[in-house]
Amino acid sequence: MRTIEIGENDSGQRLDKFLTKRFKNMPQSLMYKYIRTKYIKLNGKRCEISSRLQKGDILTLYIKEEFFEAVPDEYDFLKAPVKLDIIYEDKNIMLLNKKPGLIVHPDENYHFDSLIARVQHYLYDKKEYDPGAEQSFAPALVNRIDRNTGGIVIAAKNAETLRIMNQKVKDRELEKKYLCVATGVFVKKSDLLTGYLEKNEKKNKVYITKRPTPQSKTIKTQYRVLAEKNGLSLVEVDLLTGRTHQIRAHLASVGHALLGDGKYGNNEINRRYGYKWQALYSYQLTFRFRTDSGILSYLDGKTFTAPEVWFVSEFGKEDYIENKE
């Protein structure tokens, strides 16, 4: 028999959701059986899978020891370097300037170095994250950016922040602007592009059409040309819809592929200019809360801007930054 005290980062969850996170190797069917047969009790009483946990609650568990994972000698995230470009940080949230080349989460090729591992290492060193004391939470990223793209990534330091920010993303209460280098010179220096995007999962590629198909989704991409040089355009993009590869595919579909983009661009042009990464950067973030934002209400209306974007200086447009926090 063991007991678990519910902490701040565990509260508010359904019992079954908490147990799934805490006991990753426990079959779901067995978990339900344990609850039904009172092998798992909440505050000494029978509970339901839908019971909501509160801070200070005590779970009593009469389950097999094999489901309790041993504390590792060393956490994997400690193998990642503590190298972060922090745009903003407070007790709840971090805004990070991710550079091209760094993955946000570990994959089969990069087990130890990733943006989230660096964040966890950083907070562990600051004594703001103790994995041994947490039952179901670890600092997490709210949004993702492709390895070959740079820009602002949001990290949540606690479960309440993660819950709120995930909902804000879903409700589109975050405004993000992008900078990119597109090939060619635009006839219209600003425009709203509309189209339909269909994703091919096997190829991890999307296709843009002018007419809808049964599988397509509507896309809207607002752009504004900031500067032109040597047959290239520095462009600011505002996504009115947020689809997979939307900027890259949409601009390519109108004849202005991004420089350095090997998937939707022109490899001959890419080799000519020698760009190692695709010239796309999520450079500005504004919080536009229309619904209750709880402990993050102080962020409403604030704008944050990446201090530098690697390809902008080539156009002599270092003054692109506006409303910098």
Protein backbone atom coordinates (compact mmCIF):
# COMPACT_ATOMS: atom_id res chain seq x y z
CA MET A 1 0.00 0.00 0.00
CA ARG A 2 1.22 3.47 -0.89
CA THR A 3 -0.21 6.97 -0.62
CA ILE A 4 0.12 9.99 -2.89
CA GLU A 5 -0.66 13.55 -1.86
CA ILE A 6 -2.07 15.69 -4.65
CA GLY A 7 -0.01 18.82 -5.24
CA GLU A 8 -0.76 22.14 -6.93
CA ASN A 9 0.19 20.91 -10.41
CA ASP A 10 -2.00 17.80 -10.05
CA SER A 11 -5.17 19.53 -8.87
CA GLY A 12 -8.18 20.01 -11.12
CA GLN A 13 -7.57 16.82 -13.08
CA ARG A 14 -9.90 13.88 -13.42
CA LEU A 15 -8.67 10.86 -11.48
CA ASP A 16 -8.23 8.69 -14.59
CA LYS A 17 -6.22 11.39 -16.39
CA PHE A 18 -3.91 11.76 -13.40
CA LEU A 19 -3.38 8.00 -13.06
CA THR A 20 -2.62 7.66 -16.77
CA LYS A 21 0.14 10.26 -16.49
CA ARG A 22 1.49 8.96 -13.18
CA PHE A 23 1.49 5.24 -14.04
CA LYS A 24 2.48 5.10 -17.71
CA ASN A 25 2.91 1.31 -17.76
CA MET A 26 -0.45 0.49 -16.14
CA PRO A 27 -3.04 -0.90 -18.61
CA GLN A 28 -6.13 1.27 -18.72
CA SER A 29 -8.43 -1.70 -18.17
CA LEU A 30 -6.54 -2.59 -15.00
CA MET A 31 -6.69 0.99 -13.78
CA TYR A 32 -10.47 1.00 -14.14
CA LYS A 33 -10.65 -2.32 -12.29
CA TYR A 34 -8.54 -0.97 -9.42
CA ILE A 35 -10.90 2.01 -9.07
CA ARG A 36 -14.03 -0.13 -9.31
CA THR A 37 -12.81 -2.65 -6.70
CA LYS A 38 -11.58 0.09 -4.32
CA TYR A 39 -7.90 -0.80 -4.71
CA ILE A 40 -7.55 2.92 -5.36
CA LYS A 41 -9.28 5.22 -2.86
CA LEU A 42 -9.59 9.00 -2.64
CA ASN A 43 -9.35 10.41 0.89
CA GLY A 44 -10.09 6.93 2.24
CA LYS A 45 -13.32 6.55 0.28
CA ARG A 46 -14.50 4.94 -2.92
CA CYS A 47 -14.01 7.16 -5.95
CA GLU A 48 -15.00 7.36 -9.62
CA ILE A 49 -12.84 7.68 -12.70
CA SER A 50 -14.33 11.16 -13.17
CA SER A 51 -13.55 12.34 -9.61
CA ARG A 52 -11.81 15.73 -9.66
CA LEU A 53 -8.61 15.94 -7.65
CA GLN A 54 -7.91 18.86 -5.34
CA LYS A 55 -4.69 20.02 -3.74
CA GLY A 56 -4.12 18.13 -0.49
CA ASP A 57 -6.23 15.09 -1.49
CA ILE A 58 -4.75 11.72 -0.52
CA LEU A 59 -4.83 8.76 -2.87
CA THR A 60 -4.40 5.35 -1.27
CA LEU A 61 -3.21 2.68 -3.71
CA TYR A 62 -3.21 -1.08 -3.20
CA ILE A 63 -1.54 -1.84 -6.52
CA LYS A 64 1.48 -3.79 -7.74
CA GLU A 65 4.88 -2.30 -6.95
CA GLU A 66 5.93 -2.73 -10.58
CA PHE A 67 3.75 0.23 -11.54
CA PHE A 68 5.81 2.60 -9.38
CA GLU A 69 8.73 3.74 -11.51
CA ALA A 70 12.13 3.89 -9.83
CA VAL A 71 13.71 7.33 -9.47
CA PRO A 72 16.50 7.51 -12.10
CA ASP A 73 20.10 8.10 -11.08
CA GLU A 74 20.19 10.99 -13.54
CA TYR A 75 17.43 12.70 -15.47
CA ASP A 76 17.84 12.70 -19.25
CA PHE A 77 17.15 16.42 -19.50
CA LEU A 78 20.32 17.12 -17.51
CA LYS A 79 22.30 15.90 -20.52
CA ALA A 80 21.02 18.84 -22.55
CA PRO A 81 23.00 22.11 -22.44
CA VAL A 82 21.58 25.00 -20.48
CA LYS A 83 21.61 27.32 -23.48
CA LEU A 84 18.48 29.40 -23.87
CA ASP A 85 17.66 32.73 -25.48
CA ILE A 86 14.96 34.01 -23.11
CA ILE A 87 12.81 36.87 -24.36
CA TYR A 88 10.59 37.01 -21.26
CA GLU A 89 10.18 35.04 -18.03
CA ASP A 90 8.06 35.22 -14.89
CA LYS A 91 6.85 32.71 -12.31
CA ASN A 92 4.35 31.16 -14.72
CA ILE A 93 5.67 31.39 -18.24
CA MET A 94 8.74 31.66 -20.47
CA LEU A 95 8.99 33.05 -24.01
CA LEU A 96 11.97 31.56 -25.82
CA ASN A 97 13.72 32.59 -29.00
CA LYS A 98 14.32 29.21 -30.69
CA LYS A 99 17.05 29.26 -33.31
CA PRO A 100 16.91 27.17 -36.50
CA GLY A 101 18.51 23.74 -36.13
CA LEU A 102 17.20 22.98 -32.64
CA ILE A 103 14.31 20.54 -32.27
CA VAL A 104 11.60 21.38 -29.75
CA HIS A 105 11.00 17.80 -28.53
CA PRO A 106 13.24 14.72 -28.56
CA ASP A 107 12.87 12.35 -31.50
CA GLU A 108 14.42 9.03 -32.52
CA ASN A 109 17.61 10.76 -33.68
CA TYR A 110 18.04 13.36 -30.92
CA HIS A 111 17.34 11.84 -27.54
CA PHE A 112 18.97 14.34 -25.21
CA ASP A 113 19.20 17.83 -26.70
CA SER A 114 15.93 19.62 -27.42
CA LEU A 115 14.33 22.90 -26.45
CA ILE A 116 12.11 21.30 -23.81
CA ALA A 117 15.07 19.43 -22.31
CA ARG A 118 16.99 22.71 -22.07
CA VAL A 119 14.00 24.39 -20.40
CA GLN A 120 13.66 21.58 -17.83
CA HIS A 121 17.41 21.62 -17.14
CA TYR A 122 17.33 25.40 -16.69
CA LEU A 123 14.38 25.29 -14.28
CA TYR A 124 15.89 22.34 -12.40
CA ASP A 125 19.07 24.35 -11.82
CA LYS A 126 16.95 27.29 -10.61
CA LYS A 127 15.15 24.90 -8.23
CA GLU A 128 11.83 25.75 -9.88
CA TYR A 129 11.34 22.20 -11.14
CA ASP A 130 11.83 19.07 -9.04
CA PRO A 131 10.76 15.96 -11.00
CA GLY A 132 11.05 13.85 -7.87
CA ALA A 133 8.34 15.93 -6.19
CA GLU A 134 5.97 16.02 -9.17
CA GLN A 135 3.42 13.27 -9.77
CA SER A 136 2.07 14.14 -13.21
CA PHE A 137 3.52 17.45 -14.42
CA ALA A 138 6.70 18.59 -16.11
CA PRO A 139 7.37 22.02 -17.65
CA ALA A 140 6.00 21.87 -21.19
CA LEU A 141 5.95 23.78 -24.47
CA VAL A 142 2.66 25.33 -25.56
CA ASN A 143 3.48 25.65 -29.27
CA ARG A 144 5.83 23.93 -31.68
CA ILE A 145 8.17 25.24 -34.35
CA ASP A 146 9.85 23.04 -36.96
CA ARG A 147 13.52 22.25 -36.50
CA ASN A 148 14.53 24.31 -39.55
CA THR A 149 12.45 27.33 -38.50
CA GLY A 150 13.14 29.86 -35.77
CA GLY A 151 10.94 31.96 -33.56
CA ILE A 152 9.09 32.47 -30.31
CA VAL A 153 8.10 29.35 -28.36
CA ILE A 154 5.99 29.50 -25.18
CA ALA A 155 6.91 27.32 -22.19
CA ALA A 156 4.58 26.73 -19.23
CA LYS A 157 6.15 26.44 -15.79
CA ASN A 158 3.08 25.03 -14.07
CA ALA A 159 -0.03 23.03 -14.89
CA GLU A 160 -2.46 25.95 -14.57
CA THR A 161 -0.47 27.99 -17.09
CA LEU A 162 -0.33 25.05 -19.48
CA ARG A 163 -4.10 24.52 -19.23
CA ILE A 164 -4.87 28.20 -19.85
CA MET A 165 -2.42 28.60 -22.72
CA ASN A 166 -3.56 25.44 -24.47
CA GLN A 167 -7.11 26.83 -24.43
CA LYS A 168 -5.92 30.23 -25.69
CA VAL A 169 -4.17 28.56 -28.61
CA LYS A 170 -7.31 26.56 -29.39
CA ASP A 171 -9.46 29.71 -29.23
CA ARG A 172 -6.94 31.66 -31.35
CA GLU A 173 -6.35 34.34 -28.72
CA LEU A 174 -2.66 34.62 -29.60
CA GLU A 175 -1.54 36.75 -32.54
CA LYS A 176 1.69 35.64 -34.22
CA LYS A 177 3.54 37.44 -36.98
CA TYR A 178 6.24 35.94 -39.17
CA LEU A 179 9.14 37.23 -41.22
CA CYS A 180 10.37 35.37 -44.27
CA VAL A 181 12.45 35.75 -47.40
CA ALA A 182 10.46 34.85 -50.50
CA THR A 183 11.90 34.36 -53.96
CA GLY A 184 10.87 36.82 -56.64
CA VAL A 185 9.33 40.29 -56.57
CA PHE A 186 5.65 40.59 -55.63
CA VAL A 187 3.36 42.49 -58.00
CA LYS A 188 1.09 43.35 -55.06
CA LYS A 189 3.11 44.63 -52.12
CA SER A 190 0.39 43.60 -49.69
CA ASP A 191 -2.51 41.22 -50.11
CA LEU A 192 -4.77 38.65 -48.49
CA LEU A 193 -4.26 35.23 -50.06
CA THR A 194 -7.05 32.69 -49.76
CA GLY A 195 -7.06 29.05 -50.79
CA TYR A 196 -7.60 25.47 -49.69
CA LEU A 197 -5.03 23.21 -48.09
CA GLU A 198 -4.99 19.45 -48.16
CA LYS A 199 -2.45 17.41 -46.19
CA ASN A 200 -0.77 14.20 -47.30
CA GLU A 201 0.22 12.45 -44.05
CA LYS A 202 2.47 9.86 -45.71
CA LYS A 203 4.57 12.47 -47.48
CA ASN A 204 4.30 15.02 -44.64
CA LYS A 205 3.43 17.58 -47.27
CA VAL A 206 0.48 19.84 -48.03
CA TYR A 207 -1.07 20.89 -51.31
CA ILE A 208 -2.82 24.17 -52.08
CA THR A 209 -5.80 24.43 -54.42
CA LYS A 210 -8.06 27.29 -55.49
CA ARG A 211 -11.20 25.22 -55.05
CA PRO A 212 -12.27 23.16 -52.02
CA THR A 213 -12.05 19.38 -51.93
CA PRO A 214 -13.69 17.00 -49.44
CA GLN A 215 -10.44 16.78 -47.45
CA SER A 216 -9.24 20.38 -47.74
CA LYS A 217 -9.35 23.21 -45.20
CA THR A 218 -9.70 26.91 -45.90
CA ILE A 219 -6.56 29.02 -45.45
CA LYS A 220 -6.05 32.78 -45.29
CA THR A 221 -2.59 34.34 -45.39
CA GLN A 222 -2.05 38.11 -45.07
CA TYR A 223 1.33 39.39 -46.28
CA ARG A 224 3.19 42.69 -46.58
CA VAL A 225 6.46 43.25 -48.44
CA LEU A 226 8.96 45.14 -46.29
CA ALA A 227 11.95 45.26 -48.63
CA GLU A 228 13.31 43.89 -51.91
CA LYS A 229 16.87 43.04 -52.95
CA ASN A 230 18.47 40.96 -55.71
CA GLY A 231 15.23 39.36 -56.77
CA LEU A 232 14.24 38.46 -53.20
CA SER A 233 11.53 39.90 -50.94
CA LEU A 234 11.53 40.37 -47.18
CA VAL A 235 7.94 39.70 -46.19
CA GLU A 236 5.89 39.99 -43.00
CA VAL A 237 3.11 37.41 -42.75
CA ASP A 238 0.06 37.33 -40.50
CA LEU A 239 -1.66 33.93 -40.36
CA LEU A 240 -5.41 34.32 -40.20
CA THR A 241 -5.66 30.54 -40.15
CA GLY A 242 -2.99 28.26 -38.72
CA ARG A 243 -2.49 25.15 -40.85
CA THR A 244 0.47 22.82 -41.30
CA HIS A 245 3.18 24.41 -43.50
CA GLN A 246 0.69 27.13 -44.44
CA ILE A 247 3.12 30.00 -45.08
CA ARG A 248 5.62 27.86 -46.96
CA ALA A 249 3.06 26.14 -49.18
CA HIS A 250 0.77 29.12 -49.73
CA LEU A 251 3.51 31.50 -50.87
CA ALA A 252 5.04 28.77 -53.02
CA SER A 253 1.66 28.21 -54.68
CA VAL A 254 1.64 31.82 -55.94
CA GLY A 255 5.21 31.64 -57.22
CA HIS A 256 7.10 32.97 -54.19
CA ALA A 257 8.63 29.98 -52.39
CA LEU A 258 10.68 30.66 -49.28
CA LEU A 259 14.43 30.80 -49.66
CA GLY A 260 16.08 27.74 -48.13
CA ASP A 261 12.91 25.64 -48.21
CA GLY A 262 13.80 22.20 -49.58
CA LYS A 263 10.24 20.87 -49.51
CA TYR A 264 8.26 23.59 -51.29
CA GLY A 265 11.07 25.71 -52.69
CA ASN A 266 13.60 25.62 -55.53
CA ASN A 267 16.78 23.75 -54.65
CA GLU A 268 18.75 25.40 -57.44
CA ILE A 269 17.92 28.85 -56.08
CA ASN A 270 18.59 27.67 -52.52
CA ARG A 271 22.07 26.45 -53.49
CA ARG A 272 22.79 29.71 -55.29
CA TYR A 273 22.17 31.78 -52.16
CA GLY A 274 23.62 29.19 -49.78
CA TYR A 275 20.90 29.36 -47.13
CA LYS A 276 21.31 26.51 -44.63
CA TRP A 277 17.87 26.98 -43.06
CA GLN A 278 14.55 28.06 -44.52
CA ALA A 279 14.17 31.81 -44.12
CA LEU A 280 11.08 31.81 -41.89
CA TYR A 281 10.82 33.20 -38.37
CA SER A 282 7.92 33.52 -35.93
CA TYR A 283 9.17 36.86 -34.70
CA GLN A 284 6.30 38.54 -32.82
CA LEU A 285 3.66 37.38 -30.34
CA THR A 286 0.73 39.36 -28.94
CA PHE A 287 -1.67 38.13 -26.25
CA ARG A 288 -5.25 39.08 -27.20
CA PHE A 289 -7.43 37.49 -24.54
CA ARG A 290 -11.16 37.58 -25.19
CA THR A 291 -12.08 35.14 -22.42
CA ASP A 292 -11.04 34.63 -18.82
CA SER A 293 -7.29 34.14 -18.53
CA GLY A 294 -7.00 33.45 -14.81
CA ILE A 295 -3.47 33.75 -13.42
CA LEU A 296 -2.21 35.00 -16.81
CA SER A 297 -4.53 38.01 -17.09
CA TYR A 298 -1.55 40.37 -16.69
CA LEU A 299 -0.29 39.30 -20.14
CA ASP A 300 -3.37 40.55 -22.00
CA GLY A 301 -2.47 43.11 -24.65
CA LYS A 302 1.29 42.63 -24.32
CA THR A 303 3.47 42.17 -27.41
CA PHE A 304 6.86 40.45 -27.45
CA THR A 305 9.35 40.51 -30.30
CA ALA A 306 12.40 38.40 -31.06
CA PRO A 307 15.43 40.71 -30.69
CA GLU A 308 17.06 39.59 -33.93
CA VAL A 309 16.17 37.54 -36.99
CA TRP A 310 19.17 36.11 -38.80
CA PHE A 311 18.22 37.04 -42.38
CA VAL A 312 16.81 40.56 -41.85
CA SER A 313 20.14 42.42 -41.84
CA GLU A 314 20.74 41.46 -45.49
CA PHE A 315 17.87 43.78 -46.42
CA GLY A 316 19.03 46.67 -44.20
CA LYS A 317 15.74 46.48 -42.30
CA GLU A 318 16.84 46.17 -38.68
CA ASP A 319 14.10 48.69 -37.86
CA TYR A 320 11.38 46.05 -38.54
CA ILE A 321 10.92 45.67 -34.79
CA GLU A 322 7.88 47.51 -33.48
CA ASN A 323 6.15 47.44 -30.11
CA LYS A 324 9.15 45.70 -28.59
CA GLU A 325 8.70 44.75 -24.95
